[in-house]
């Protein structure tokens, strides 16, 4: 095998998802993933800490984008409008490949260990959003409440997006979920 392989990280991610789908997460080893990608286990560990992280590898990129979107939103924008702008950024990053998202989520849903990891990653995303809102001057508990609400909107919209038979974009489903929440909390 060559010492350097182009797009090794992407190949490992695709190989892992294929194997998790075919065999199941528990039945797949790092060696299996590396072999399917045409790489070595050593190369795998250059990119990922463990076989769970191959499904969550872009979490840091997403966290950075969330924080930047919150902090860089126009000054004076109402807090929940900032959250809506952040959700648009999340939809742009996460909503690129519905088939991949469906396959990835099916693997996560079938594996309690991965469900736990997903919840940890979502909690961290909420914390990053909260930090970004606080940096904008939004006090607690409003910053925490807004961040948790944003992540709840994302979770509901994402589930609807990957299970819907239509081909709407994630951003549209996310905006619809936000609008539904607004009607729920609107004074009557």
N, C-alpha and C. Protein backbone atom coordinates (compact mmCIF):
# COMPACT_ATOMS: atom_id res chain seq x y z
N UNK A 1 0.83 -1.19 0.00
CA UNK A 1 0.00 0.00 0.00
C UNK A 1 0.87 1.25 0.00
N UNK A 2 0.41 2.27 -0.65
CA UNK A 2 1.15 3.52 -0.71
C UNK A 2 1.15 4.21 0.64
N UNK A 3 2.21 4.99 0.88
CA UNK A 3 2.30 5.72 2.15
C UNK A 3 1.24 6.81 2.21
N UNK A 4 0.92 7.42 1.08
CA UNK A 4 -0.06 8.50 1.08
C UNK A 4 -1.15 8.13 0.10
N UNK A 5 -2.36 8.25 0.55
CA UNK A 5 -3.50 7.95 -0.30
C UNK A 5 -4.42 9.17 -0.34
N UNK A 6 -4.83 9.60 -1.53
CA UNK A 6 -5.72 10.76 -1.61
C UNK A 6 -7.07 10.46 -0.97
N UNK A 7 -7.61 11.47 -0.30
CA UNK A 7 -8.93 11.40 0.34
C UNK A 7 -9.08 10.20 1.26
N UNK A 8 -8.06 9.89 2.02
CA UNK A 8 -8.12 8.75 2.93
C UNK A 8 -9.25 8.90 3.93
N UNK A 9 -9.42 10.08 4.48
CA UNK A 9 -10.47 10.30 5.47
C UNK A 9 -11.86 10.02 4.90
N UNK A 10 -12.13 10.54 3.72
CA UNK A 10 -13.42 10.30 3.08
C UNK A 10 -13.64 8.85 2.72
N UNK A 11 -12.59 8.20 2.26
CA UNK A 11 -12.70 6.78 1.93
C UNK A 11 -12.97 5.96 3.17
N UNK A 12 -12.33 6.30 4.27
CA UNK A 12 -12.57 5.58 5.52
C UNK A 12 -14.01 5.80 6.01
N UNK A 13 -14.50 7.03 5.90
CA UNK A 13 -15.89 7.31 6.31
C UNK A 13 -16.88 6.50 5.48
N UNK A 14 -16.67 6.48 4.18
CA UNK A 14 -17.59 5.73 3.30
C UNK A 14 -17.49 4.22 3.54
N UNK A 15 -16.28 3.73 3.70
CA UNK A 15 -16.10 2.30 3.98
C UNK A 15 -16.78 1.92 5.29
N UNK A 16 -16.61 2.74 6.30
CA UNK A 16 -17.23 2.46 7.60
C UNK A 16 -18.74 2.43 7.48
N UNK A 17 -19.31 3.43 6.82
CA UNK A 17 -20.76 3.47 6.69
C UNK A 17 -21.28 2.27 5.90
N UNK A 18 -20.58 1.91 4.85
CA UNK A 18 -20.99 0.73 4.08
C UNK A 18 -20.96 -0.53 4.95
N UNK A 19 -19.88 -0.71 5.69
CA UNK A 19 -19.76 -1.90 6.54
C UNK A 19 -20.75 -1.89 7.69
N UNK A 20 -20.96 -0.74 8.31
CA UNK A 20 -21.94 -0.67 9.40
C UNK A 20 -23.33 -1.02 8.89
N UNK A 21 -23.62 -0.60 7.67
CA UNK A 21 -24.92 -0.89 7.07
C UNK A 21 -25.04 -2.38 6.72
N UNK A 22 -23.98 -2.94 6.16
CA UNK A 22 -24.00 -4.34 5.74
C UNK A 22 -23.95 -5.31 6.93
N UNK A 23 -23.03 -5.08 7.85
CA UNK A 23 -22.76 -6.05 8.93
C UNK A 23 -23.29 -5.64 10.29
N UNK A 24 -23.44 -4.34 10.49
CA UNK A 24 -23.76 -3.82 11.80
C UNK A 24 -22.52 -3.19 12.43
N UNK A 25 -22.73 -2.25 13.28
CA UNK A 25 -21.63 -1.52 13.92
C UNK A 25 -20.77 -2.45 14.77
N UNK A 26 -21.40 -3.25 15.62
CA UNK A 26 -20.66 -4.10 16.54
C UNK A 26 -19.81 -5.14 15.82
N UNK A 27 -20.25 -5.60 14.67
CA UNK A 27 -19.55 -6.65 13.95
C UNK A 27 -18.44 -6.13 13.05
N UNK A 28 -18.26 -4.82 13.00
CA UNK A 28 -17.25 -4.22 12.13
C UNK A 28 -16.06 -3.75 12.96
N UNK A 29 -14.87 -4.09 12.51
CA UNK A 29 -13.66 -3.66 13.21
C UNK A 29 -12.97 -2.54 12.44
N UNK A 30 -12.05 -1.87 13.12
CA UNK A 30 -11.25 -0.85 12.46
C UNK A 30 -10.47 -1.48 11.30
N UNK A 31 -9.95 -2.68 11.51
CA UNK A 31 -9.24 -3.38 10.45
C UNK A 31 -10.11 -3.61 9.23
N UNK A 32 -11.37 -3.98 9.46
CA UNK A 32 -12.31 -4.17 8.35
C UNK A 32 -12.50 -2.88 7.56
N UNK A 33 -12.66 -1.78 8.28
CA UNK A 33 -12.88 -0.48 7.64
C UNK A 33 -11.66 -0.09 6.80
N UNK A 34 -10.49 -0.21 7.41
CA UNK A 34 -9.26 0.16 6.70
C UNK A 34 -9.07 -0.71 5.46
N UNK A 35 -9.31 -2.00 5.61
CA UNK A 35 -9.16 -2.91 4.47
C UNK A 35 -10.11 -2.53 3.34
N UNK A 36 -11.37 -2.25 3.67
CA UNK A 36 -12.36 -1.88 2.65
C UNK A 36 -11.94 -0.59 1.94
N UNK A 37 -11.32 0.32 2.68
CA UNK A 37 -10.88 1.59 2.10
C UNK A 37 -9.54 1.47 1.36
N UNK A 38 -8.91 0.29 1.46
CA UNK A 38 -7.62 0.09 0.82
C UNK A 38 -6.48 0.75 1.59
N UNK A 39 -6.66 0.86 2.91
CA UNK A 39 -5.67 1.51 3.77
C UNK A 39 -5.31 0.59 4.92
N UNK A 40 -4.50 1.07 5.83
CA UNK A 40 -4.12 0.28 7.00
C UNK A 40 -4.84 0.80 8.24
N UNK A 41 -4.89 -0.03 9.26
CA UNK A 41 -5.49 0.40 10.54
C UNK A 41 -4.72 1.59 11.11
N UNK A 42 -3.43 1.59 10.91
CA UNK A 42 -2.61 2.72 11.38
C UNK A 42 -3.08 4.02 10.73
N UNK A 43 -3.36 3.97 9.44
CA UNK A 43 -3.86 5.15 8.75
C UNK A 43 -5.21 5.57 9.32
N UNK A 44 -6.06 4.59 9.62
CA UNK A 44 -7.35 4.90 10.22
C UNK A 44 -7.16 5.76 11.47
N UNK A 45 -6.25 5.37 12.32
CA UNK A 45 -6.05 6.07 13.59
C UNK A 45 -5.36 7.42 13.42
N UNK A 46 -4.84 7.70 12.27
CA UNK A 46 -4.34 9.05 12.00
C UNK A 46 -5.51 10.03 11.84
N UNK A 47 -6.65 9.52 11.44
CA UNK A 47 -7.80 10.37 11.17
C UNK A 47 -8.88 10.30 12.25
N UNK A 48 -9.03 9.15 12.88
CA UNK A 48 -10.13 8.96 13.82
C UNK A 48 -9.64 8.30 15.10
N UNK A 49 -10.18 8.73 16.23
CA UNK A 49 -9.78 8.18 17.52
C UNK A 49 -10.29 6.75 17.71
N UNK A 50 -11.47 6.47 17.16
CA UNK A 50 -12.06 5.14 17.30
C UNK A 50 -13.11 4.96 16.22
N UNK A 51 -13.71 3.78 16.18
CA UNK A 51 -14.65 3.49 15.09
C UNK A 51 -15.96 4.25 15.24
N UNK A 52 -16.24 4.79 16.42
CA UNK A 52 -17.43 5.64 16.58
C UNK A 52 -17.24 6.98 15.88
N UNK A 53 -16.05 7.54 16.08
CA UNK A 53 -15.79 8.89 15.58
C UNK A 53 -15.86 9.01 14.07
N UNK A 54 -15.74 7.91 13.36
CA UNK A 54 -15.82 7.98 11.91
C UNK A 54 -17.21 8.48 11.48
N UNK A 55 -18.22 8.28 12.31
CA UNK A 55 -19.57 8.78 12.02
C UNK A 55 -19.79 10.21 12.49
N UNK A 56 -18.92 10.70 13.35
CA UNK A 56 -19.10 12.02 13.96
C UNK A 56 -17.92 12.95 13.66
N UNK A 57 -17.15 12.63 12.67
CA UNK A 57 -15.89 13.32 12.41
C UNK A 57 -16.04 14.80 12.09
N UNK A 58 -17.14 15.20 11.58
CA UNK A 58 -17.29 16.61 11.19
C UNK A 58 -17.92 17.45 12.28
N UNK A 59 -17.97 16.92 13.47
CA UNK A 59 -18.56 17.65 14.59
C UNK A 59 -17.85 18.95 14.91
N UNK A 60 -16.53 18.94 14.84
CA UNK A 60 -15.77 20.17 15.13
C UNK A 60 -16.06 21.25 14.09
N UNK A 61 -16.15 20.85 12.83
CA UNK A 61 -16.48 21.80 11.76
C UNK A 61 -17.86 22.41 12.00
N UNK A 62 -18.81 21.59 12.39
CA UNK A 62 -20.16 22.07 12.66
C UNK A 62 -20.18 23.01 13.86
N UNK A 63 -19.47 22.65 14.92
CA UNK A 63 -19.41 23.51 16.11
C UNK A 63 -18.81 24.87 15.76
N UNK A 64 -17.75 24.86 14.99
CA UNK A 64 -17.11 26.13 14.60
C UNK A 64 -18.09 26.99 13.79
N UNK A 65 -18.80 26.38 12.85
CA UNK A 65 -19.75 27.11 12.02
C UNK A 65 -20.90 27.67 12.85
N UNK A 66 -21.37 26.90 13.82
CA UNK A 66 -22.46 27.36 14.70
C UNK A 66 -22.03 28.57 15.50
N UNK A 67 -20.86 28.47 16.12
CA UNK A 67 -20.37 29.58 16.92
C UNK A 67 -20.18 30.84 16.06
N UNK A 68 -19.56 30.67 14.91
CA UNK A 68 -19.32 31.80 14.02
C UNK A 68 -20.63 32.44 13.57
N UNK A 69 -21.61 31.64 13.22
CA UNK A 69 -22.90 32.17 12.77
C UNK A 69 -23.59 32.95 13.90
N UNK A 70 -23.49 32.45 15.11
CA UNK A 70 -24.12 33.15 16.25
C UNK A 70 -23.42 34.47 16.53
N UNK A 71 -22.11 34.44 16.57
CA UNK A 71 -21.33 35.64 16.92
C UNK A 71 -21.40 36.69 15.82
N UNK A 72 -21.42 36.25 14.57
CA UNK A 72 -21.35 37.18 13.45
C UNK A 72 -22.70 37.67 12.93
N UNK A 73 -23.79 37.23 13.54
CA UNK A 73 -25.11 37.71 13.12
C UNK A 73 -25.17 39.22 13.36
N UNK A 74 -25.97 39.92 12.58
CA UNK A 74 -26.04 41.38 12.72
C UNK A 74 -26.39 41.81 14.15
N UNK A 75 -25.72 42.87 14.57
CA UNK A 75 -25.97 43.41 15.91
C UNK A 75 -27.43 43.86 16.02
N UNK A 76 -28.02 43.60 17.16
CA UNK A 76 -29.41 43.99 17.40
C UNK A 76 -30.43 42.97 16.93
N UNK A 77 -30.00 41.92 16.27
CA UNK A 77 -30.92 40.88 15.80
C UNK A 77 -31.51 40.17 17.02
N UNK A 78 -32.82 39.98 17.06
CA UNK A 78 -33.42 39.27 18.19
C UNK A 78 -32.82 37.86 18.35
N UNK A 79 -32.75 37.41 19.57
CA UNK A 79 -32.07 36.15 19.89
C UNK A 79 -32.58 34.98 19.07
N UNK A 80 -33.88 34.80 18.98
CA UNK A 80 -34.38 33.64 18.23
C UNK A 80 -34.18 33.80 16.73
N UNK A 81 -34.03 35.01 16.24
CA UNK A 81 -33.67 35.20 14.82
C UNK A 81 -32.21 34.80 14.60
N UNK A 82 -31.37 35.06 15.60
CA UNK A 82 -29.98 34.59 15.52
C UNK A 82 -29.97 33.06 15.47
N UNK A 83 -30.77 32.45 16.34
CA UNK A 83 -30.85 30.99 16.35
C UNK A 83 -31.34 30.48 14.99
N UNK A 84 -32.33 31.15 14.40
CA UNK A 84 -32.82 30.74 13.08
C UNK A 84 -31.71 30.86 12.03
N UNK A 85 -30.89 31.89 12.11
CA UNK A 85 -29.77 32.05 11.18
C UNK A 85 -28.75 30.92 11.39
N UNK A 86 -28.52 30.54 12.63
CA UNK A 86 -27.62 29.43 12.93
C UNK A 86 -28.19 28.14 12.35
N UNK A 87 -29.49 27.94 12.48
CA UNK A 87 -30.12 26.74 11.93
C UNK A 87 -29.96 26.67 10.41
N UNK A 88 -30.00 27.81 9.75
CA UNK A 88 -29.76 27.84 8.31
C UNK A 88 -28.35 27.33 7.98
N UNK A 89 -27.38 27.74 8.79
CA UNK A 89 -26.00 27.29 8.59
C UNK A 89 -25.89 25.78 8.83
N UNK A 90 -26.53 25.30 9.88
CA UNK A 90 -26.53 23.86 10.16
C UNK A 90 -27.15 23.11 8.99
N UNK A 91 -28.28 23.61 8.49
CA UNK A 91 -28.95 22.94 7.38
C UNK A 91 -28.06 22.90 6.14
N UNK A 92 -27.32 23.95 5.91
CA UNK A 92 -26.42 23.99 4.76
C UNK A 92 -25.34 22.92 4.88
N UNK A 93 -24.78 22.75 6.07
CA UNK A 93 -23.71 21.78 6.26
C UNK A 93 -24.21 20.34 6.34
N UNK A 94 -25.30 20.13 7.05
CA UNK A 94 -25.81 18.78 7.30
C UNK A 94 -26.69 18.30 6.15
N UNK A 95 -27.33 19.21 5.46
CA UNK A 95 -28.32 18.84 4.45
C UNK A 95 -27.78 18.61 3.06
N UNK A 96 -26.51 18.31 2.92
CA UNK A 96 -25.91 18.16 1.59
C UNK A 96 -26.23 16.83 0.92
N UNK A 97 -26.44 15.78 1.72
CA UNK A 97 -26.59 14.44 1.14
C UNK A 97 -27.61 13.65 1.96
N UNK A 98 -28.86 13.69 1.54
CA UNK A 98 -29.93 13.03 2.29
C UNK A 98 -29.73 11.52 2.40
N UNK A 99 -29.29 10.87 1.31
CA UNK A 99 -29.08 9.42 1.36
C UNK A 99 -28.03 9.06 2.40
N UNK A 100 -26.93 9.78 2.39
CA UNK A 100 -25.88 9.54 3.39
C UNK A 100 -26.43 9.76 4.80
N UNK A 101 -27.17 10.83 4.99
CA UNK A 101 -27.74 11.13 6.31
C UNK A 101 -28.71 10.04 6.76
N UNK A 102 -29.50 9.54 5.83
CA UNK A 102 -30.43 8.45 6.17
C UNK A 102 -29.68 7.20 6.60
N UNK A 103 -28.67 6.83 5.83
CA UNK A 103 -27.88 5.64 6.15
C UNK A 103 -27.17 5.81 7.49
N UNK A 104 -26.56 6.95 7.69
CA UNK A 104 -25.84 7.23 8.94
C UNK A 104 -26.79 7.15 10.13
N UNK A 105 -27.96 7.77 10.00
CA UNK A 105 -28.91 7.78 11.11
C UNK A 105 -29.44 6.38 11.39
N UNK A 106 -29.63 5.57 10.38
CA UNK A 106 -30.08 4.19 10.59
C UNK A 106 -29.06 3.41 11.41
N UNK A 107 -27.79 3.61 11.14
CA UNK A 107 -26.74 2.94 11.92
C UNK A 107 -26.78 3.43 13.36
N UNK A 108 -26.91 4.73 13.54
CA UNK A 108 -26.96 5.30 14.90
C UNK A 108 -28.19 4.78 15.64
N UNK A 109 -29.33 4.80 14.99
CA UNK A 109 -30.57 4.34 15.64
C UNK A 109 -30.53 2.88 16.06
N UNK A 110 -29.71 2.09 15.37
CA UNK A 110 -29.62 0.65 15.67
C UNK A 110 -28.59 0.33 16.75
N UNK A 111 -27.88 1.35 17.24
CA UNK A 111 -26.76 1.09 18.14
C UNK A 111 -26.81 2.02 19.35
N UNK A 112 -27.15 1.51 20.54
CA UNK A 112 -27.22 2.37 21.73
C UNK A 112 -25.95 3.18 21.99
N UNK A 113 -24.79 2.57 21.77
CA UNK A 113 -23.52 3.28 21.98
C UNK A 113 -23.43 4.52 21.09
N UNK A 114 -23.91 4.41 19.87
CA UNK A 114 -23.87 5.54 18.94
C UNK A 114 -24.96 6.55 19.25
N UNK A 115 -26.09 6.09 19.74
CA UNK A 115 -27.14 7.01 20.18
C UNK A 115 -26.62 7.90 21.30
N UNK A 116 -25.90 7.29 22.22
CA UNK A 116 -25.31 8.06 23.32
C UNK A 116 -24.32 9.09 22.78
N UNK A 117 -23.47 8.69 21.86
CA UNK A 117 -22.48 9.60 21.28
C UNK A 117 -23.19 10.75 20.56
N UNK A 118 -24.25 10.43 19.85
CA UNK A 118 -25.02 11.46 19.15
C UNK A 118 -25.59 12.49 20.14
N UNK A 119 -26.13 12.02 21.23
CA UNK A 119 -26.67 12.93 22.25
C UNK A 119 -25.57 13.81 22.85
N UNK A 120 -24.41 13.24 23.06
CA UNK A 120 -23.27 14.02 23.59
C UNK A 120 -22.88 15.10 22.58
N UNK A 121 -22.82 14.75 21.32
CA UNK A 121 -22.45 15.72 20.29
C UNK A 121 -23.50 16.83 20.18
N UNK A 122 -24.77 16.48 20.28
CA UNK A 122 -25.83 17.49 20.23
C UNK A 122 -25.78 18.40 21.46
N UNK A 123 -25.48 17.82 22.61
CA UNK A 123 -25.35 18.64 23.83
C UNK A 123 -24.19 19.61 23.67
N UNK A 124 -23.10 19.16 23.08
CA UNK A 124 -21.95 20.04 22.86
C UNK A 124 -22.30 21.13 21.87
N UNK A 125 -23.07 20.80 20.85
CA UNK A 125 -23.50 21.80 19.87
C UNK A 125 -24.36 22.86 20.54
N UNK A 126 -25.25 22.43 21.42
CA UNK A 126 -26.07 23.37 22.17
C UNK A 126 -25.21 24.27 23.05
N UNK A 127 -24.21 23.71 23.69
CA UNK A 127 -23.31 24.49 24.55
C UNK A 127 -22.55 25.53 23.73
N UNK A 128 -22.11 25.15 22.54
CA UNK A 128 -21.40 26.09 21.66
C UNK A 128 -22.32 27.22 21.24
N UNK A 129 -23.55 26.89 20.89
CA UNK A 129 -24.53 27.92 20.53
C UNK A 129 -24.79 28.84 21.71
N UNK A 130 -24.95 28.28 22.88
CA UNK A 130 -25.17 29.08 24.08
C UNK A 130 -24.00 30.03 24.32
N UNK A 131 -22.77 29.51 24.18
CA UNK A 131 -21.59 30.36 24.35
C UNK A 131 -21.59 31.50 23.34
N UNK A 132 -21.94 31.20 22.10
CA UNK A 132 -22.00 32.24 21.06
C UNK A 132 -23.04 33.29 21.39
N UNK A 133 -24.19 32.87 21.88
CA UNK A 133 -25.24 33.83 22.26
C UNK A 133 -24.79 34.67 23.45
N UNK A 134 -24.15 34.05 24.41
CA UNK A 134 -23.64 34.80 25.57
C UNK A 134 -22.59 35.81 25.14
N UNK A 135 -21.77 35.44 24.18
CA UNK A 135 -20.78 36.36 23.66
C UNK A 135 -21.43 37.57 22.99
N UNK A 136 -22.63 37.37 22.46
CA UNK A 136 -23.39 38.47 21.87
C UNK A 136 -24.04 39.35 22.93
N UNK A 137 -24.00 38.90 24.20
CA UNK A 137 -24.60 39.67 25.28
C UNK A 137 -25.94 39.14 25.75
N UNK A 138 -26.36 37.98 25.23
CA UNK A 138 -27.62 37.38 25.68
C UNK A 138 -27.36 36.76 27.05
N UNK A 139 -28.10 37.19 28.07
CA UNK A 139 -27.85 36.65 29.41
C UNK A 139 -28.45 35.25 29.58
N UNK A 140 -27.95 34.55 30.58
CA UNK A 140 -28.59 33.31 30.99
C UNK A 140 -29.76 33.66 31.89
N UNK A 141 -30.83 32.95 31.90
CA UNK A 141 -31.04 31.66 31.24
C UNK A 141 -31.52 31.75 29.80
N UNK A 142 -31.73 32.98 29.29
CA UNK A 142 -32.23 33.11 27.92
C UNK A 142 -31.31 32.46 26.89
N UNK A 143 -29.99 32.63 27.04
CA UNK A 143 -29.06 32.03 26.08
C UNK A 143 -29.18 30.51 26.07
N UNK A 144 -29.28 29.92 27.24
CA UNK A 144 -29.42 28.47 27.33
C UNK A 144 -30.74 27.98 26.76
N UNK A 145 -31.80 28.69 27.08
CA UNK A 145 -33.12 28.32 26.59
C UNK A 145 -33.18 28.43 25.06
N UNK A 146 -32.63 29.51 24.52
CA UNK A 146 -32.63 29.69 23.06
C UNK A 146 -31.79 28.61 22.38
N UNK A 147 -30.63 28.30 22.95
CA UNK A 147 -29.76 27.28 22.35
C UNK A 147 -30.42 25.91 22.37
N UNK A 148 -30.98 25.53 23.50
CA UNK A 148 -31.65 24.23 23.59
C UNK A 148 -32.85 24.16 22.64
N UNK A 149 -33.56 25.26 22.51
CA UNK A 149 -34.69 25.31 21.59
C UNK A 149 -34.21 25.13 20.15
N UNK A 150 -33.11 25.79 19.81
CA UNK A 150 -32.56 25.65 18.46
C UNK A 150 -32.18 24.22 18.14
N UNK A 151 -31.55 23.55 19.09
CA UNK A 151 -31.14 22.16 18.85
C UNK A 151 -32.37 21.25 18.78
N UNK A 152 -33.40 21.55 19.57
CA UNK A 152 -34.64 20.77 19.48
C UNK A 152 -35.28 20.93 18.09
N UNK A 153 -35.28 22.15 17.58
CA UNK A 153 -35.81 22.38 16.24
C UNK A 153 -35.00 21.58 15.22
N UNK A 154 -33.68 21.62 15.35
CA UNK A 154 -32.83 20.87 14.43
C UNK A 154 -33.16 19.38 14.48
N UNK A 155 -33.27 18.81 15.68
CA UNK A 155 -33.52 17.37 15.80
C UNK A 155 -34.85 16.98 15.17
N UNK A 156 -35.89 17.75 15.44
CA UNK A 156 -37.21 17.45 14.89
C UNK A 156 -37.20 17.59 13.37
N UNK A 157 -36.60 18.66 12.87
CA UNK A 157 -36.56 18.89 11.42
C UNK A 157 -35.70 17.83 10.72
N UNK A 158 -34.57 17.49 11.32
CA UNK A 158 -33.69 16.49 10.70
C UNK A 158 -34.41 15.15 10.59
N UNK A 159 -35.07 14.73 11.66
CA UNK A 159 -35.80 13.46 11.62
C UNK A 159 -36.87 13.48 10.55
N UNK A 160 -37.58 14.58 10.47
CA UNK A 160 -38.63 14.70 9.46
C UNK A 160 -38.03 14.67 8.06
N UNK A 161 -36.90 15.34 7.88
CA UNK A 161 -36.24 15.42 6.57
C UNK A 161 -35.77 14.05 6.10
N UNK A 162 -35.16 13.27 6.97
CA UNK A 162 -34.63 11.97 6.51
C UNK A 162 -35.71 10.92 6.35
N UNK A 163 -36.87 11.12 6.96
CA UNK A 163 -37.95 10.14 6.84
C UNK A 163 -39.02 10.54 5.84
N UNK A 164 -39.01 11.78 5.40
CA UNK A 164 -40.05 12.25 4.47
C UNK A 164 -39.85 11.66 3.08
N UNK A 165 -40.95 11.30 2.43
CA UNK A 165 -40.85 10.76 1.08
C UNK A 165 -40.56 11.84 0.04
N UNK A 166 -40.86 13.10 0.37
CA UNK A 166 -40.61 14.16 -0.61
C UNK A 166 -39.14 14.56 -0.59
N UNK A 167 -38.77 15.39 -1.51
CA UNK A 167 -37.35 15.75 -1.67
C UNK A 167 -37.07 17.20 -1.28
N UNK A 168 -37.81 17.71 -0.29
CA UNK A 168 -37.54 19.08 0.16
C UNK A 168 -36.15 19.19 0.77
N UNK A 169 -35.62 20.36 0.73
CA UNK A 169 -34.31 20.61 1.32
C UNK A 169 -34.44 20.71 2.84
N UNK A 170 -33.37 20.35 3.54
CA UNK A 170 -33.36 20.42 5.00
C UNK A 170 -33.64 21.83 5.49
N UNK A 171 -33.11 22.83 4.82
CA UNK A 171 -33.33 24.21 5.25
C UNK A 171 -34.82 24.56 5.25
N UNK A 172 -35.56 24.06 4.28
CA UNK A 172 -37.00 24.33 4.22
C UNK A 172 -37.74 23.62 5.35
N UNK A 173 -37.35 22.40 5.62
CA UNK A 173 -37.98 21.65 6.71
C UNK A 173 -37.65 22.31 8.05
N UNK A 174 -36.43 22.79 8.19
CA UNK A 174 -36.01 23.46 9.42
C UNK A 174 -36.79 24.76 9.62
N UNK A 175 -36.95 25.52 8.56
CA UNK A 175 -37.72 26.78 8.67
C UNK A 175 -39.19 26.51 8.98
N UNK A 176 -39.72 25.44 8.42
CA UNK A 176 -41.10 25.06 8.74
C UNK A 176 -41.24 24.68 10.21
N UNK A 177 -40.28 23.94 10.74
CA UNK A 177 -40.31 23.56 12.16
C UNK A 177 -40.20 24.80 13.05
N UNK A 178 -39.37 25.75 12.66
CA UNK A 178 -39.25 26.99 13.42
C UNK A 178 -40.57 27.75 13.42
N UNK A 179 -41.21 27.82 12.28
CA UNK A 179 -42.50 28.52 12.17
C UNK A 179 -43.57 27.82 13.03
N UNK A 180 -43.55 26.49 13.05
CA UNK A 180 -44.52 25.76 13.88
C UNK A 180 -44.29 26.04 15.35
N UNK A 181 -43.03 26.13 15.76
CA UNK A 181 -42.74 26.44 17.15
C UNK A 181 -43.24 27.84 17.48
N UNK A 182 -43.04 28.78 16.57
CA UNK A 182 -43.51 30.14 16.80
C UNK A 182 -45.01 30.20 17.00
N UNK A 183 -45.76 29.38 16.26
CA UNK A 183 -47.22 29.36 16.46
C UNK A 183 -47.58 28.71 17.80
N UNK A 184 -46.77 27.76 18.25
CA UNK A 184 -47.03 27.13 19.55
C UNK A 184 -46.87 28.09 20.72
N UNK A 185 -45.89 28.98 20.61
CA UNK A 185 -45.61 29.88 21.74
C UNK A 185 -46.24 31.26 21.58
N UNK A 186 -46.91 31.51 20.45
CA UNK A 186 -47.54 32.81 20.23
C UNK A 186 -48.70 33.00 21.19
N UNK A 187 -48.85 34.24 21.70
CA UNK A 187 -49.98 34.51 22.60
C UNK A 187 -51.30 34.29 21.85
N UNK A 188 -52.26 33.80 22.57
CA UNK A 188 -53.58 33.56 21.96
C UNK A 188 -54.56 34.61 22.39
